[in-house]
Structures are given as C-alpha cells and as structure tokens.
Amino acid sequence: MSLDLHLLILPCALRLEPYAIPAGGLMKIGGISIVLVLGIINFLLLLFQLSSGMRWIKVKMTVHRKTGITLFIVALFHGILAYLTS
C-alpha cells in the first residue's frame, strides 16, 4: 500500500478558510517579519555593493556582479511581500 503525500498536503494547502491563517499573520518566522529580514539583507547587500564598487573592499568583478544580481532578487521579493502585506 503506497501513501501519496501530495494527496494529503495539497488539499490542506488550497484551503482558504479564515481560521487557517494564524493570529500573528502569515509573513513571520519566529515572530520576526519576513519583510523586515529581507530589508536588512537588502541593506547589507547594498553596503557591500557600494563598498566593492568604490574599491574600499577589493573583490573580483564576478563577485560584485553576482552580489548585484542577488541584491536585485532579494529587493524584488522584499517589495512584492511588502506590497502584499499592506
């Protein structure tokens, strides 16, 4: 007898009844807002981009480029989640 986990998980994930949302909200990890965490990560990535772009920190161009791409992706998620929570 095989147990299909997607049949057990999928109906629960699609249920949108009001009691399915926790009292503290959905966008929290351990009581800390995901939007806040992404904002702090954005700030740190921005500081790194600024300091490596101004050559205060010496890094290879590939590291600077990959960090910039990461900054864009994290900022995009931060903005989308902030918009959805407002």
C-alpha atoms as a PDB file:
ATOM      1  CA  MET A   1       0.000   0.000   0.000  1.00  0.00           C
ATOM      2  CA  SER A   2       1.599   3.266  -1.101  1.00  0.00           C
ATOM      3  CA  LEU A   3       0.885   6.539   0.628  1.00  0.00           C
ATOM      4  CA  ASP A   4       0.556   9.527  -1.700  1.00  0.00           C
ATOM      5  CA  LEU A   5       1.770  12.545   0.268  1.00  0.00           C
ATOM      6  CA  HIS A   6       0.680  15.047  -2.376  1.00  0.00           C
ATOM      7  CA  LEU A   7      -2.917  13.938  -1.822  1.00  0.00           C
ATOM      8  CA  LEU A   8      -2.559  14.695   1.877  1.00  0.00           C
ATOM      9  CA  ILE A   9      -0.711  18.016   1.554  1.00  0.00           C
ATOM     10  CA  LEU A  10      -2.440  19.573  -1.470  1.00  0.00           C
ATOM     11  CA  PRO A  11      -5.994  19.787  -0.055  1.00  0.00           C
ATOM     12  CA  CYS A  12      -4.684  21.427   3.119  1.00  0.00           C
ATOM     13  CA  ALA A  13      -2.632  23.964   1.157  1.00  0.00           C
ATOM     14  CA  LEU A  14      -5.571  25.010  -1.011  1.00  0.00           C
ATOM     15  CA  ARG A  15      -7.957  25.550   1.879  1.00  0.00           C
ATOM     16  CA  LEU A  16      -8.511  29.293   2.359  1.00  0.00           C
ATOM     17  CA  GLU A  17     -10.869  29.387   5.296  1.00  0.00           C
ATOM     18  CA  PRO A  18     -10.407  32.275   7.750  1.00  0.00           C
ATOM     19  CA  TYR A  19      -9.333  30.015  10.614  1.00  0.00           C
ATOM     20  CA  ALA A  20      -6.389  28.700   8.547  1.00  0.00           C
ATOM     21  CA  ILE A  21      -4.474  31.993   8.984  1.00  0.00           C
ATOM     22  CA  PRO A  22      -2.575  32.308  12.288  1.00  0.00           C
ATOM     23  CA  ALA A  23      -3.381  35.238  14.559  1.00  0.00           C
ATOM     24  CA  GLY A  24       0.084  36.787  14.131  1.00  0.00           C
ATOM     25  CA  GLY A  25      -0.126  36.730  10.333  1.00  0.00           C
ATOM     26  CA  LEU A  26       1.459  34.603   7.658  1.00  0.00           C
ATOM     27  CA  MET A  27       4.601  36.609   6.920  1.00  0.00           C
ATOM     28  CA  LYS A  28       6.536  35.849  10.097  1.00  0.00           C
ATOM     29  CA  ILE A  29       9.332  33.465  11.043  1.00  0.00           C
ATOM     30  CA  GLY A  30       9.686  33.027  14.788  1.00  0.00           C
ATOM     31  CA  GLY A  31       7.750  36.236  15.398  1.00  0.00           C
ATOM     32  CA  ILE A  32      10.014  38.310  13.111  1.00  0.00           C
ATOM     33  CA  SER A  33       8.603  39.744   9.893  1.00  0.00           C
ATOM     34  CA  ILE A  34       9.974  38.256   6.665  1.00  0.00           C
ATOM     35  CA  VAL A  35       9.763  41.711   5.081  1.00  0.00           C
ATOM     36  CA  LEU A  36      11.973  43.110   7.845  1.00  0.00           C
ATOM     37  CA  VAL A  37      14.542  40.334   7.416  1.00  0.00           C
ATOM     38  CA  LEU A  38      14.633  40.878   3.641  1.00  0.00           C
ATOM     39  CA  GLY A  39      15.023  44.631   4.215  1.00  0.00           C
ATOM     40  CA  ILE A  40      18.033  44.077   6.477  1.00  0.00           C
ATOM     41  CA  ILE A  41      19.571  41.692   3.924  1.00  0.00           C
ATOM     42  CA  ASN A  42      18.965  44.327   1.227  1.00  0.00           C
ATOM     43  CA  PHE A  43      20.737  46.956   3.292  1.00  0.00           C
ATOM     44  CA  LEU A  44      23.758  44.715   3.898  1.00  0.00           C
ATOM     45  CA  LEU A  45      23.968  43.759   0.222  1.00  0.00           C
ATOM     46  CA  LEU A  46      23.683  47.421  -0.747  1.00  0.00           C
ATOM     47  CA  LEU A  47      26.534  48.348   1.611  1.00  0.00           C
ATOM     48  CA  PHE A  48      28.661  45.578   0.124  1.00  0.00           C
ATOM     49  CA  GLN A  49      27.856  46.697  -3.432  1.00  0.00           C
ATOM     50  CA  LEU A  50      28.738  50.297  -2.608  1.00  0.00           C
ATOM     51  CA  SER A  51      31.986  49.422  -0.854  1.00  0.00           C
ATOM     52  CA  SER A  52      33.125  46.973  -3.542  1.00  0.00           C
ATOM     53  CA  GLY A  53      32.110  49.348  -6.336  1.00  0.00           C
ATOM     54  CA  MET A  54      34.070  52.213  -4.760  1.00  0.00           C
ATOM     55  CA  ARG A  55      37.007  49.796  -4.274  1.00  0.00           C
ATOM     56  CA  TRP A  56      37.004  50.165  -0.487  1.00  0.00           C
ATOM     57  CA  ILE A  57      36.801  46.362  -0.449  1.00  0.00           C
ATOM     58  CA  LYS A  58      38.788  44.561  -3.133  1.00  0.00           C
ATOM     59  CA  VAL A  59      36.746  41.756  -4.712  1.00  0.00           C
ATOM     60  CA  LYS A  60      36.658  40.196  -8.152  1.00  0.00           C
ATOM     61  CA  MET A  61      34.207  41.620 -10.660  1.00  0.00           C
ATOM     62  CA  THR A  62      32.317  38.301 -10.772  1.00  0.00           C
ATOM     63  CA  VAL A  63      31.644  38.514  -7.026  1.00  0.00           C
ATOM     64  CA  HIS A  64      30.426  42.097  -7.419  1.00  0.00           C
ATOM     65  CA  ARG A  65      28.172  41.074 -10.344  1.00  0.00           C
ATOM     66  CA  LYS A  66      26.684  38.040  -8.548  1.00  0.00           C
ATOM     67  CA  THR A  67      26.054  40.094  -5.430  1.00  0.00           C
ATOM     68  CA  GLY A  68      24.264  42.703  -7.541  1.00  0.00           C
ATOM     69  CA  ILE A  69      22.031  40.034  -9.061  1.00  0.00           C
ATOM     70  CA  THR A  70      21.310  38.678  -5.581  1.00  0.00           C
ATOM     71  CA  LEU A  71      20.502  42.202  -4.396  1.00  0.00           C
ATOM     72  CA  PHE A  72      18.025  42.627  -7.241  1.00  0.00           C
ATOM     73  CA  ILE A  73      16.260  39.325  -6.493  1.00  0.00           C
ATOM     74  CA  VAL A  74      16.068  39.942  -2.731  1.00  0.00           C
ATOM     75  CA  ALA A  75      14.839  43.524  -3.313  1.00  0.00           C
ATOM     76  CA  LEU A  76      12.182  42.225  -5.710  1.00  0.00           C
ATOM     77  CA  PHE A  77      10.897  39.707  -3.142  1.00  0.00           C
ATOM     78  CA  HIS A  78      11.066  42.360  -0.422  1.00  0.00           C
ATOM     79  CA  GLY A  79       8.961  44.764  -2.485  1.00  0.00           C
ATOM     80  CA  ILE A  80       6.397  42.141  -3.524  1.00  0.00           C
ATOM     81  CA  LEU A  81       5.931  40.871   0.034  1.00  0.00           C
ATOM     82  CA  ALA A  82       5.711  44.416   1.415  1.00  0.00           C
ATOM     83  CA  TYR A  83       3.039  45.228  -1.167  1.00  0.00           C
ATOM     84  CA  LEU A  84       1.069  42.055  -0.371  1.00  0.00           C
ATOM     85  CA  THR A  85       1.096  42.703   3.380  1.00  0.00           C
ATOM     86  CA  SER A  86      -0.168  46.280   3.064  1.00  0.00           C
END
